Amino acid sequence: VTSRGMRPEDMKRIAGWIARLIREGDEAIEPVRAEVLALCERYP
């Protein structure tokens, strides 16, 4: 993530997604994946 130029606030979002996948399980995979892809588009 740092080599792509992501910032601490982006890492907080990633940590939130990890926590969400722990709490919500498989149901969270699709929505989290969409958010991950959107973040990666901002940092090609």
ModelCIF file with pLDDT and N, C-alpha, C, O atoms, coordinates in Angstrom:
data_MODEL
#
_entry.id   MODEL 
#
_entity.id                         1 
_entity.type                       polymer 
_entity.pdbx_number_of_molecules   1 
#
_entity_poly.entity_id                      1 
_entity_poly.type                           'polypeptide(L)' 
_entity_poly.nstd_linkage                   no 
_entity_poly.nstd_monomer                   no 
_entity_poly.pdbx_seq_one_letter_code       VTSRGMRPEDMKRIAGWIARLIREGDEAIEPVRAEVLALCERYP 
_entity_poly.pdbx_seq_one_letter_code_can   VTSRGMRPEDMKRIAGWIARLIREGDEAIEPVRAEVLALCERYP 
_entity_poly.pdbx_strand_id                 A 
#
loop_
_entity_poly_seq.entity_id 
_entity_poly_seq.num 
_entity_poly_seq.mon_id 
_entity_poly_seq.hetero 
1 1  VAL n 
1 2  THR n 
1 3  SER n 
1 4  ARG n 
1 5  GLY n 
1 6  MET n 
1 7  ARG n 
1 8  PRO n 
1 9  GLU n 
1 10 ASP n 
1 11 MET n 
1 12 LYS n 
1 13 ARG n 
1 14 ILE n 
1 15 ALA n 
1 16 GLY n 
1 17 TRP n 
1 18 ILE n 
1 19 ALA n 
1 20 ARG n 
1 21 LEU n 
1 22 ILE n 
1 23 ARG n 
1 24 GLU n 
1 25 GLY n 
1 26 ASP n 
1 27 GLU n 
1 28 ALA n 
1 29 ILE n 
1 30 GLU n 
1 31 PRO n 
1 32 VAL n 
1 33 ARG n 
1 34 ALA n 
1 35 GLU n 
1 36 VAL n 
1 37 LEU n 
1 38 ALA n 
1 39 LEU n 
1 40 CYS n 
1 41 GLU n 
1 42 ARG n 
1 43 TYR n 
1 44 PRO n 
#
_struct_asym.id          A 
_struct_asym.entity_id   1 
#
loop_
_ma_qa_metric.id 
_ma_qa_metric.mode 
_ma_qa_metric.name 
_ma_qa_metric.software_group_id 
_ma_qa_metric.type 
1 global pLDDT . pLDDT 
2 local  pLDDT . pLDDT 
#
_ma_qa_metric_global.metric_id      1 
_ma_qa_metric_global.metric_value   96.41 
_ma_qa_metric_global.model_id       1 
_ma_qa_metric_global.ordinal_id     1 
#
loop_
_ma_qa_metric_local.label_asym_id 
_ma_qa_metric_local.label_comp_id 
_ma_qa_metric_local.label_seq_id 
_ma_qa_metric_local.metric_id 
_ma_qa_metric_local.metric_value 
_ma_qa_metric_local.model_id 
_ma_qa_metric_local.ordinal_id 
A VAL 1  2 91.00 1 1  
A THR 2  2 91.00 1 2  
A SER 3  2 91.00 1 3  
A ARG 4  2 93.00 1 4  
A GLY 5  2 94.00 1 5  
A MET 6  2 95.00 1 6  
A ARG 7  2 95.00 1 7  
A PRO 8  2 94.00 1 8  
A GLU 9  2 96.00 1 9  
A ASP 10 2 97.00 1 10 
A MET 11 2 95.00 1 11 
A LYS 12 2 96.00 1 12 
A ARG 13 2 98.00 1 13 
A ILE 14 2 97.00 1 14 
A ALA 15 2 97.00 1 15 
A GLY 16 2 98.00 1 16 
A TRP 17 2 98.00 1 17 
A ILE 18 2 98.00 1 18 
A ALA 19 2 98.00 1 19 
A ARG 20 2 98.00 1 20 
A LEU 21 2 98.00 1 21 
A ILE 22 2 98.00 1 22 
A ARG 23 2 98.00 1 23 
A GLU 24 2 98.00 1 24 
A GLY 25 2 97.00 1 25 
A ASP 26 2 97.00 1 26 
A GLU 27 2 98.00 1 27 
A ALA 28 2 98.00 1 28 
A ILE 29 2 98.00 1 29 
A GLU 30 2 98.00 1 30 
A PRO 31 2 98.00 1 31 
A VAL 32 2 98.00 1 32 
A ARG 33 2 98.00 1 33 
A ALA 34 2 98.00 1 34 
A GLU 35 2 98.00 1 35 
A VAL 36 2 98.00 1 36 
A LEU 37 2 97.00 1 37 
A ALA 38 2 98.00 1 38 
A LEU 39 2 97.00 1 39 
A CYS 40 2 96.00 1 40 
A GLU 41 2 96.00 1 41 
A ARG 42 2 96.00 1 42 
A TYR 43 2 95.00 1 43 
A PRO 44 2 91.00 1 44 
#
loop_
_atom_site.group_PDB 
_atom_site.id 
_atom_site.type_symbol 
_atom_site.label_atom_id 
_atom_site.label_alt_id 
_atom_site.label_comp_id 
_atom_site.label_asym_id 
_atom_site.label_entity_id 
_atom_site.label_seq_id 
_atom_site.pdbx_PDB_ins_code 
_atom_site.Cartn_x 
_atom_site.Cartn_y 
_atom_site.Cartn_z 
_atom_site.occupancy 
_atom_site.B_iso_or_equiv 
_atom_site.pdbx_formal_charge 
_atom_site.auth_seq_id 
_atom_site.auth_comp_id 
_atom_site.auth_asym_id 
_atom_site.auth_atom_id 
_atom_site.pdbx_PDB_model_num 
ATOM 1   N N  . VAL A 1 1  ? 0.832   -1.213  0.000   1.00 91.00 ? 1  VAL A N  1 
ATOM 2   C CA . VAL A 1 1  ? 0.000   0.000   0.000   1.00 91.00 ? 1  VAL A CA 1 
ATOM 3   C C  . VAL A 1 1  ? 0.864   1.259   0.000   1.00 91.00 ? 1  VAL A C  1 
ATOM 4   O O  . VAL A 1 1  ? 0.502   2.247   -0.639  1.00 91.00 ? 1  VAL A O  1 
ATOM 5   N N  . THR A 1 2  ? 1.988   1.244   0.698   1.00 91.00 ? 2  THR A N  1 
ATOM 6   C CA . THR A 1 2  ? 2.836   2.443   0.706   1.00 91.00 ? 2  THR A CA 1 
ATOM 7   C C  . THR A 1 2  ? 3.492   2.663   -0.647  1.00 91.00 ? 2  THR A C  1 
ATOM 8   O O  . THR A 1 2  ? 3.681   3.807   -1.061  1.00 91.00 ? 2  THR A O  1 
ATOM 9   N N  . SER A 1 3  ? 3.848   1.578   -1.349  1.00 91.00 ? 3  SER A N  1 
ATOM 10  C CA . SER A 1 3  ? 4.478   1.747   -2.660  1.00 91.00 ? 3  SER A CA 1 
ATOM 11  C C  . SER A 1 3  ? 3.496   2.304   -3.689  1.00 91.00 ? 3  SER A C  1 
ATOM 12  O O  . SER A 1 3  ? 3.909   2.865   -4.704  1.00 91.00 ? 3  SER A O  1 
ATOM 13  N N  . ARG A 1 4  ? 2.195   2.149   -3.426  1.00 93.00 ? 4  ARG A N  1 
ATOM 14  C CA . ARG A 1 4  ? 1.181   2.749   -4.307  1.00 93.00 ? 4  ARG A CA 1 
ATOM 15  C C  . ARG A 1 4  ? 0.877   4.189   -3.921  1.00 93.00 ? 4  ARG A C  1 
ATOM 16  O O  . ARG A 1 4  ? 0.169   4.889   -4.645  1.00 93.00 ? 4  ARG A O  1 
ATOM 17  N N  . GLY A 1 5  ? 1.402   4.634   -2.798  1.00 94.00 ? 5  GLY A N  1 
ATOM 18  C CA . GLY A 1 5  ? 1.188   6.009   -2.363  1.00 94.00 ? 5  GLY A CA 1 
ATOM 19  C C  . GLY A 1 5  ? 0.019   6.192   -1.408  1.00 94.00 ? 5  GLY A C  1 
ATOM 20  O O  . GLY A 1 5  ? -0.391  7.321   -1.141  1.00 94.00 ? 5  GLY A O  1 
ATOM 21  N N  . MET A 1 6  ? -0.519  5.099   -0.894  1.00 95.00 ? 6  MET A N  1 
ATOM 22  C CA . MET A 1 6  ? -1.634  5.213   0.040   1.00 95.00 ? 6  MET A CA 1 
ATOM 23  C C  . MET A 1 6  ? -1.161  5.863   1.334   1.00 95.00 ? 6  MET A C  1 
ATOM 24  O O  . MET A 1 6  ? 0.000   5.737   1.722   1.00 95.00 ? 6  MET A O  1 
ATOM 25  N N  . ARG A 1 7  ? -2.064  6.546   1.979   1.00 95.00 ? 7  ARG A N  1 
ATOM 26  C CA . ARG A 1 7  ? -1.793  7.346   3.168   1.00 95.00 ? 7  ARG A CA 1 
ATOM 27  C C  . ARG A 1 7  ? -2.352  6.651   4.423   1.00 95.00 ? 7  ARG A C  1 
ATOM 28  O O  . ARG A 1 7  ? -3.089  5.672   4.304   1.00 95.00 ? 7  ARG A O  1 
ATOM 29  N N  . PRO A 1 8  ? -2.013  7.140   5.602   1.00 94.00 ? 8  PRO A N  1 
ATOM 30  C CA . PRO A 1 8  ? -2.530  6.536   6.837   1.00 94.00 ? 8  PRO A CA 1 
ATOM 31  C C  . PRO A 1 8  ? -4.058  6.420   6.869   1.00 94.00 ? 8  PRO A C  1 
ATOM 32  O O  . PRO A 1 8  ? -4.583  5.426   7.371   1.00 94.00 ? 8  PRO A O  1 
ATOM 33  N N  . GLU A 1 9  ? -4.774  7.409   6.347   1.00 96.00 ? 9  GLU A N  1 
ATOM 34  C CA . GLU A 1 9  ? -6.244  7.317   6.350   1.00 96.00 ? 9  GLU A CA 1 
ATOM 35  C C  . GLU A 1 9  ? -6.737  6.169   5.471   1.00 96.00 ? 9  GLU A C  1 
ATOM 36  O O  . GLU A 1 9  ? -7.783  5.581   5.749   1.00 96.00 ? 9  GLU A O  1 
ATOM 37  N N  . ASP A 1 10 ? -5.984  5.844   4.403   1.00 97.00 ? 10 ASP A N  1 
ATOM 38  C CA . ASP A 1 10 ? -6.358  4.695   3.561   1.00 97.00 ? 10 ASP A CA 1 
ATOM 39  C C  . ASP A 1 10 ? -6.125  3.399   4.312   1.00 97.00 ? 10 ASP A C  1 
ATOM 40  O O  . ASP A 1 10 ? -6.905  2.454   4.190   1.00 97.00 ? 10 ASP A O  1 
ATOM 41  N N  . MET A 1 11 ? -5.053  3.352   5.088   1.00 95.00 ? 11 MET A N  1 
ATOM 42  C CA . MET A 1 11 ? -4.756  2.147   5.865   1.00 95.00 ? 11 MET A CA 1 
ATOM 43  C C  . MET A 1 11 ? -5.809  1.938   6.957   1.00 95.00 ? 11 MET A C  1 
ATOM 44  O O  . MET A 1 11 ? -6.133  0.802   7.303   1.00 95.00 ? 11 MET A O  1 
ATOM 45  N N  . LYS A 1 12 ? -6.336  3.028   7.493   1.00 96.00 ? 12 LYS A N  1 
ATOM 46  C CA . LYS A 1 12 ? -7.425  2.904   8.465   1.00 96.00 ? 12 LYS A CA 1 
ATOM 47  C C  . LYS A 1 12 ? -8.658  2.304   7.804   1.00 96.00 ? 12 LYS A C  1 
ATOM 48  O O  . LYS A 1 12 ? -9.357  1.496   8.416   1.00 96.00 ? 12 LYS A O  1 
ATOM 49  N N  . ARG A 1 13 ? -8.933  2.691   6.563   1.00 98.00 ? 13 ARG A N  1 
ATOM 50  C CA . ARG A 1 13 ? -10.062 2.112   5.831   1.00 98.00 ? 13 ARG A CA 1 
ATOM 51  C C  . ARG A 1 13 ? -9.854  0.619   5.620   1.00 98.00 ? 13 ARG A C  1 
ATOM 52  O O  . ARG A 1 13 ? -10.780 -0.173  5.791   1.00 98.00 ? 13 ARG A O  1 
ATOM 53  N N  . ILE A 1 14 ? -8.624  0.235   5.246   1.00 97.00 ? 14 ILE A N  1 
ATOM 54  C CA . ILE A 1 14 ? -8.317  -1.183  5.035   1.00 97.00 ? 14 ILE A CA 1 
ATOM 55  C C  . ILE A 1 14 ? -8.494  -1.959  6.341   1.00 97.00 ? 14 ILE A C  1 
ATOM 56  O O  . ILE A 1 14 ? -9.045  -3.060  6.338   1.00 97.00 ? 14 ILE A O  1 
ATOM 57  N N  . ALA A 1 15 ? -8.032  -1.394  7.446   1.00 97.00 ? 15 ALA A N  1 
ATOM 58  C CA . ALA A 1 15 ? -8.219  -2.046  8.750   1.00 97.00 ? 15 ALA A CA 1 
ATOM 59  C C  . ALA A 1 15 ? -9.702  -2.210  9.053   1.00 97.00 ? 15 ALA A C  1 
ATOM 60  O O  . ALA A 1 15 ? -10.115 -3.235  9.595   1.00 97.00 ? 15 ALA A O  1 
ATOM 61  N N  . GLY A 1 16 ? -10.495 -1.219  8.712   1.00 98.00 ? 16 GLY A N  1 
ATOM 62  C CA . GLY A 1 16 ? -11.942 -1.311  8.897   1.00 98.00 ? 16 GLY A CA 1 
ATOM 63  C C  . GLY A 1 16 ? -12.556 -2.422  8.071   1.00 98.00 ? 16 GLY A C  1 
ATOM 64  O O  . GLY A 1 16 ? -13.456 -3.123  8.534   1.00 98.00 ? 16 GLY A O  1 
ATOM 65  N N  . TRP A 1 17 ? -12.074 -2.582  6.851   1.00 98.00 ? 17 TRP A N  1 
ATOM 66  C CA . TRP A 1 17 ? -12.587 -3.668  6.008   1.00 98.00 ? 17 TRP A CA 1 
ATOM 67  C C  . TRP A 1 17 ? -12.215 -5.029  6.583   1.00 98.00 ? 17 TRP A C  1 
ATOM 68  O O  . TRP A 1 17 ? -13.020 -5.960  6.554   1.00 98.00 ? 17 TRP A O  1 
ATOM 69  N N  . ILE A 1 18 ? -10.996 -5.146  7.105   1.00 98.00 ? 18 ILE A N  1 
ATOM 70  C CA . ILE A 1 18 ? -10.594 -6.408  7.731   1.00 98.00 ? 18 ILE A CA 1 
ATOM 71  C C  . ILE A 1 18 ? -11.510 -6.705  8.917   1.00 98.00 ? 18 ILE A C  1 
ATOM 72  O O  . ILE A 1 18 ? -11.993 -7.827  9.065   1.00 98.00 ? 18 ILE A O  1 
ATOM 73  N N  . ALA A 1 19 ? -11.746 -5.706  9.753   1.00 98.00 ? 19 ALA A N  1 
ATOM 74  C CA . ALA A 1 19 ? -12.643 -5.887  10.906  1.00 98.00 ? 19 ALA A CA 1 
ATOM 75  C C  . ALA A 1 19 ? -14.050 -6.264  10.450  1.00 98.00 ? 19 ALA A C  1 
ATOM 76  O O  . ALA A 1 19 ? -14.697 -7.120  11.053  1.00 98.00 ? 19 ALA A O  1 
ATOM 77  N N  . ARG A 1 20 ? -14.512 -5.627  9.396   1.00 98.00 ? 20 ARG A N  1 
ATOM 78  C CA . ARG A 1 20 ? -15.856 -5.928  8.886   1.00 98.00 ? 20 ARG A CA 1 
ATOM 79  C C  . ARG A 1 20 ? -15.954 -7.374  8.407   1.00 98.00 ? 20 ARG A C  1 
ATOM 80  O O  . ARG A 1 20 ? -16.956 -8.046  8.650   1.00 98.00 ? 20 ARG A O  1 
ATOM 81  N N  . LEU A 1 21 ? -14.918 -7.850  7.729   1.00 98.00 ? 21 LEU A N  1 
ATOM 82  C CA . LEU A 1 21 ? -14.937 -9.234  7.254   1.00 98.00 ? 21 LEU A CA 1 
ATOM 83  C C  . LEU A 1 21 ? -14.837 -10.228 8.405   1.00 98.00 ? 21 LEU A C  1 
ATOM 84  O O  . LEU A 1 21 ? -15.334 -11.349 8.296   1.00 98.00 ? 21 LEU A O  1 
ATOM 85  N N  . ILE A 1 22 ? -14.205 -9.834  9.500   1.00 98.00 ? 22 ILE A N  1 
ATOM 86  C CA . ILE A 1 22 ? -14.195 -10.690 10.688  1.00 98.00 ? 22 ILE A CA 1 
ATOM 87  C C  . ILE A 1 22 ? -15.600 -10.740 11.287  1.00 98.00 ? 22 ILE A C  1 
ATOM 88  O O  . ILE A 1 22 ? -16.116 -11.817 11.585  1.00 98.00 ? 22 ILE A O  1 
ATOM 89  N N  . ARG A 1 23 ? -16.214 -9.574  11.461  1.00 98.00 ? 23 ARG A N  1 
ATOM 90  C CA . ARG A 1 23 ? -17.532 -9.481  12.112  1.00 98.00 ? 23 ARG A CA 1 
ATOM 91  C C  . ARG A 1 23 ? -18.659 -10.050 11.259  1.00 98.00 ? 23 ARG A C  1 
ATOM 92  O O  . ARG A 1 23 ? -19.478 -10.826 11.750  1.00 98.00 ? 23 ARG A O  1 
ATOM 93  N N  . GLU A 1 24 ? -18.703 -9.669  9.986   1.00 98.00 ? 24 GLU A N  1 
ATOM 94  C CA . GLU A 1 24 ? -19.858 -9.988  9.139   1.00 98.00 ? 24 GLU A CA 1 
ATOM 95  C C  . GLU A 1 24 ? -19.682 -11.249 8.296   1.00 98.00 ? 24 GLU A C  1 
ATOM 96  O O  . GLU A 1 24 ? -20.660 -11.773 7.762   1.00 98.00 ? 24 GLU A O  1 
ATOM 97  N N  . GLY A 1 25 ? -18.474 -11.732 8.171   1.00 97.00 ? 25 GLY A N  1 
ATOM 98  C CA . GLY A 1 25 ? -18.247 -12.958 7.430   1.00 97.00 ? 25 GLY A CA 1 
ATOM 99  C C  . GLY A 1 25 ? -18.394 -12.804 5.924   1.00 97.00 ? 25 GLY A C  1 
ATOM 100 O O  . GLY A 1 25 ? -18.153 -11.735 5.362   1.00 97.00 ? 25 GLY A O  1 
ATOM 101 N N  . ASP A 1 26 ? -18.794 -13.892 5.289   1.00 97.00 ? 26 ASP A N  1 
ATOM 102 C CA . ASP A 1 26 ? -18.859 -13.951 3.832   1.00 97.00 ? 26 ASP A CA 1 
ATOM 103 C C  . ASP A 1 26 ? -19.807 -12.926 3.219   1.00 97.00 ? 26 ASP A C  1 
ATOM 104 O O  . ASP A 1 26 ? -19.616 -12.523 2.072   1.00 97.00 ? 26 ASP A O  1 
ATOM 105 N N  . GLU A 1 27 ? -20.813 -12.503 3.956   1.00 98.00 ? 27 GLU A N  1 
ATOM 106 C CA . GLU A 1 27 ? -21.774 -11.538 3.418   1.00 98.00 ? 27 GLU A CA 1 
ATOM 107 C C  . GLU A 1 27 ? -21.112 -10.196 3.097   1.00 98.00 ? 27 GLU A C  1 
ATOM 108 O O  . GLU A 1 27 ? -21.623 -9.436  2.274   1.00 98.00 ? 27 GLU A O  1 
ATOM 109 N N  . ALA A 1 28 ? -20.003 -9.909  3.727   1.00 98.00 ? 28 ALA A N  1 
ATOM 110 C CA . ALA A 1 28 ? -19.322 -8.634  3.513   1.00 98.00 ? 28 ALA A CA 1 
ATOM 111 C C  . ALA A 1 28 ? -18.328 -8.671  2.356   1.00 98.00 ? 28 ALA A C  1 
ATOM 112 O O  . ALA A 1 28 ? -17.798 -7.628  1.974   1.00 98.00 ? 28 ALA A O  1 
ATOM 113 N N  . ILE A 1 29 ? -18.066 -9.836  1.795   1.00 98.00 ? 29 ILE A N  1 
ATOM 114 C CA . ILE A 1 29 ? -17.024 -9.947  0.765   1.00 98.00 ? 29 ILE A CA 1 
ATOM 115 C C  . ILE A 1 29 ? -17.311 -9.047  -0.432  1.00 98.00 ? 29 ILE A C  1 
ATOM 116 O O  . ILE A 1 29 ? -16.449 -8.257  -0.819  1.00 98.00 ? 29 ILE A O  1 
ATOM 117 N N  . GLU A 1 30 ? -18.477 -9.142  -1.018  1.00 98.00 ? 30 GLU A N  1 
ATOM 118 C CA . GLU A 1 30 ? -18.773 -8.370  -2.233  1.00 98.00 ? 30 GLU A CA 1 
ATOM 119 C C  . GLU A 1 30 ? -18.723 -6.859  -2.002  1.00 98.00 ? 30 GLU A C  1 
ATOM 120 O O  . GLU A 1 30 ? -18.070 -6.155  -2.772  1.00 98.00 ? 30 GLU A O  1 
ATOM 121 N N  . PRO A 1 31 ? -19.394 -6.332  -0.964  1.00 98.00 ? 31 PRO A N  1 
ATOM 122 C CA . PRO A 1 31 ? -19.306 -4.889  -0.771  1.00 98.00 ? 31 PRO A CA 1 
ATOM 123 C C  . PRO A 1 31 ? -17.893 -4.400  -0.448  1.00 98.00 ? 31 PRO A C  1 
ATOM 124 O O  . PRO A 1 31 ? -17.494 -3.325  -0.896  1.00 98.00 ? 31 PRO A O  1 
ATOM 125 N N  . VAL A 1 32 ? -17.145 -5.171  0.314   1.00 98.00 ? 32 VAL A N  1 
ATOM 126 C CA . VAL A 1 32 ? -15.772 -4.779  0.636   1.00 98.00 ? 32 VAL A CA 1 
ATOM 127 C C  . VAL A 1 32 ? -14.923 -4.823  -0.633  1.00 98.00 ? 32 VAL A C  1 
ATOM 128 O O  . VAL A 1 32 ? -14.117 -3.923  -0.870  1.00 98.00 ? 32 VAL A O  1 
ATOM 129 N N  . ARG A 1 33 ? -15.097 -5.865  -1.451  1.00 98.00 ? 33 ARG A N  1 
ATOM 130 C CA . ARG A 1 33 ? -14.321 -5.963  -2.692  1.00 98.00 ? 33 ARG A CA 1 
ATOM 131 C C  . ARG A 1 33 ? -14.550 -4.738  -3.573  1.00 98.00 ? 33 ARG A C  1 
ATOM 132 O O  . ARG A 1 33 ? -13.604 -4.211  -4.156  1.00 98.00 ? 33 ARG A O  1 
ATOM 133 N N  . ALA A 1 34 ? -15.786 -4.287  -3.672  1.00 98.00 ? 34 ALA A N  1 
ATOM 134 C CA . ALA A 1 34 ? -16.089 -3.102  -4.478  1.00 98.00 ? 34 ALA A CA 1 
ATOM 135 C C  . ALA A 1 34 ? -15.366 -1.872  -3.937  1.00 98.00 ? 34 ALA A C  1 
ATOM 136 O O  . ALA A 1 34 ? -14.849 -1.066  -4.711  1.00 98.00 ? 34 ALA A O  1 
ATOM 137 N N  . GLU A 1 35 ? -15.325 -1.722  -2.620  1.00 98.00 ? 35 GLU A N  1 
ATOM 138 C CA . GLU A 1 35 ? -14.627 -0.587  -2.016  1.00 98.00 ? 35 GLU A CA 1 
ATOM 139 C C  . GLU A 1 35 ? -13.115 -0.692  -2.211  1.00 98.00 ? 35 GLU A C  1 
ATOM 140 O O  . GLU A 1 35 ? -12.443 0.314   -2.443  1.00 98.00 ? 35 GLU A O  1 
ATOM 141 N N  . VAL A 1 36 ? -12.583 -1.913  -2.116  1.00 98.00 ? 36 VAL A N  1 
ATOM 142 C CA . VAL A 1 36 ? -11.151 -2.132  -2.330  1.00 98.00 ? 36 VAL A CA 1 
ATOM 143 C C  . VAL A 1 36 ? -10.777 -1.751  -3.765  1.00 98.00 ? 36 VAL A C  1 
ATOM 144 O O  . VAL A 1 36 ? -9.778  -1.068  -3.987  1.00 98.00 ? 36 VAL A O  1 
ATOM 145 N N  . LEU A 1 37 ? -11.573 -2.189  -4.725  1.00 97.00 ? 37 LEU A N  1 
ATOM 146 C CA . LEU A 1 37 ? -11.290 -1.865  -6.127  1.00 97.00 ? 37 LEU A CA 1 
ATOM 147 C C  . LEU A 1 37 ? -11.343 -0.364  -6.372  1.00 97.00 ? 37 LEU A C  1 
ATOM 148 O O  . LEU A 1 37 ? -10.519 0.173   -7.112  1.00 97.00 ? 37 LEU A O  1 
ATOM 149 N N  . ALA A 1 38 ? -12.301 0.314   -5.761  1.00 98.00 ? 38 ALA A N  1 
ATOM 150 C CA . ALA A 1 38 ? -12.400 1.772   -5.912  1.00 98.00 ? 38 ALA A CA 1 
ATOM 151 C C  . ALA A 1 38 ? -11.160 2.459   -5.332  1.00 98.00 ? 38 ALA A C  1 
ATOM 152 O O  . ALA A 1 38 ? -10.641 3.405   -5.925  1.00 98.00 ? 38 ALA A O  1 
ATOM 153 N N  . LEU A 1 39 ? -10.688 1.987   -4.183  1.00 97.00 ? 39 LEU A N  1 
ATOM 154 C CA . LEU A 1 39 ? -9.486  2.562   -3.583  1.00 97.00 ? 39 LEU A CA 1 
ATOM 155 C C  . LEU A 1 39 ? -8.277  2.317   -4.491  1.00 97.00 ? 39 LEU A C  1 
ATOM 156 O O  . LEU A 1 39 ? -7.474  3.225   -4.706  1.00 97.00 ? 39 LEU A O  1 
ATOM 157 N N  . CYS A 1 40 ? -8.144  1.123   -5.013  1.00 96.00 ? 40 CYS A N  1 
ATOM 158 C CA . CYS A 1 40 ? -6.999  0.799   -5.872  1.00 96.00 ? 40 CYS A CA 1 
ATOM 159 C C  . CYS A 1 40 ? -7.014  1.621   -7.163  1.00 96.00 ? 40 CYS A C  1 
ATOM 160 O O  . CYS A 1 40 ? -5.952  1.939   -7.698  1.00 96.00 ? 40 CYS A O  1 
ATOM 161 N N  . GLU A 1 41 ? -8.175  1.963   -7.659  1.00 96.00 ? 41 GLU A N  1 
ATOM 162 C CA . GLU A 1 41 ? -8.256  2.818   -8.848  1.00 96.00 ? 41 GLU A CA 1 
ATOM 163 C C  . GLU A 1 41 ? -7.692  4.205   -8.565  1.00 96.00 ? 41 GLU A C  1 
ATOM 164 O O  . GLU A 1 41 ? -7.136  4.846   -9.457  1.00 96.00 ? 41 GLU A O  1 
ATOM 165 N N  . ARG A 1 42 ? -7.832  4.668   -7.334  1.00 96.00 ? 42 ARG A N  1 
ATOM 166 C CA . ARG A 1 42 ? -7.290  5.980   -6.958  1.00 96.00 ? 42 ARG A CA 1 
ATOM 167 C C  . ARG A 1 42 ? -5.765  5.971   -6.861  1.00 96.00 ? 42 ARG A C  1 
ATOM 168 O O  . ARG A 1 42 ? -5.122  7.017   -6.949  1.00 96.00 ? 42 ARG A O  1 
ATOM 169 N N  . TYR A 1 43 ? -5.197  4.780   -6.678  1.00 95.00 ? 43 TYR A N  1 
ATOM 170 C CA . TYR A 1 43 ? -3.752  4.624   -6.548  1.00 95.00 ? 43 TYR A CA 1 
ATOM 171 C C  . TYR A 1 43 ? -3.267  3.547   -7.520  1.00 95.00 ? 43 TYR A C  1 
ATOM 172 O O  . TYR A 1 43 ? -2.970  2.429   -7.097  1.00 95.00 ? 43 TYR A O  1 
ATOM 173 N N  . PRO A 1 44 ? -3.183  3.862   -8.811  1.00 91.00 ? 44 PRO A N  1 
ATOM 174 C CA . PRO A 1 44 ? -2.775  2.842   -9.784  1.00 91.00 ? 44 PRO A CA 1 
ATOM 175 C C  . PRO A 1 44 ? -1.343  2.376   -9.544  1.00 91.00 ? 44 PRO A C  1 
ATOM 176 O O  . PRO A 1 44 ? -0.842  1.520   -10.273 1.00 91.00 ? 44 PRO A O  1 
#
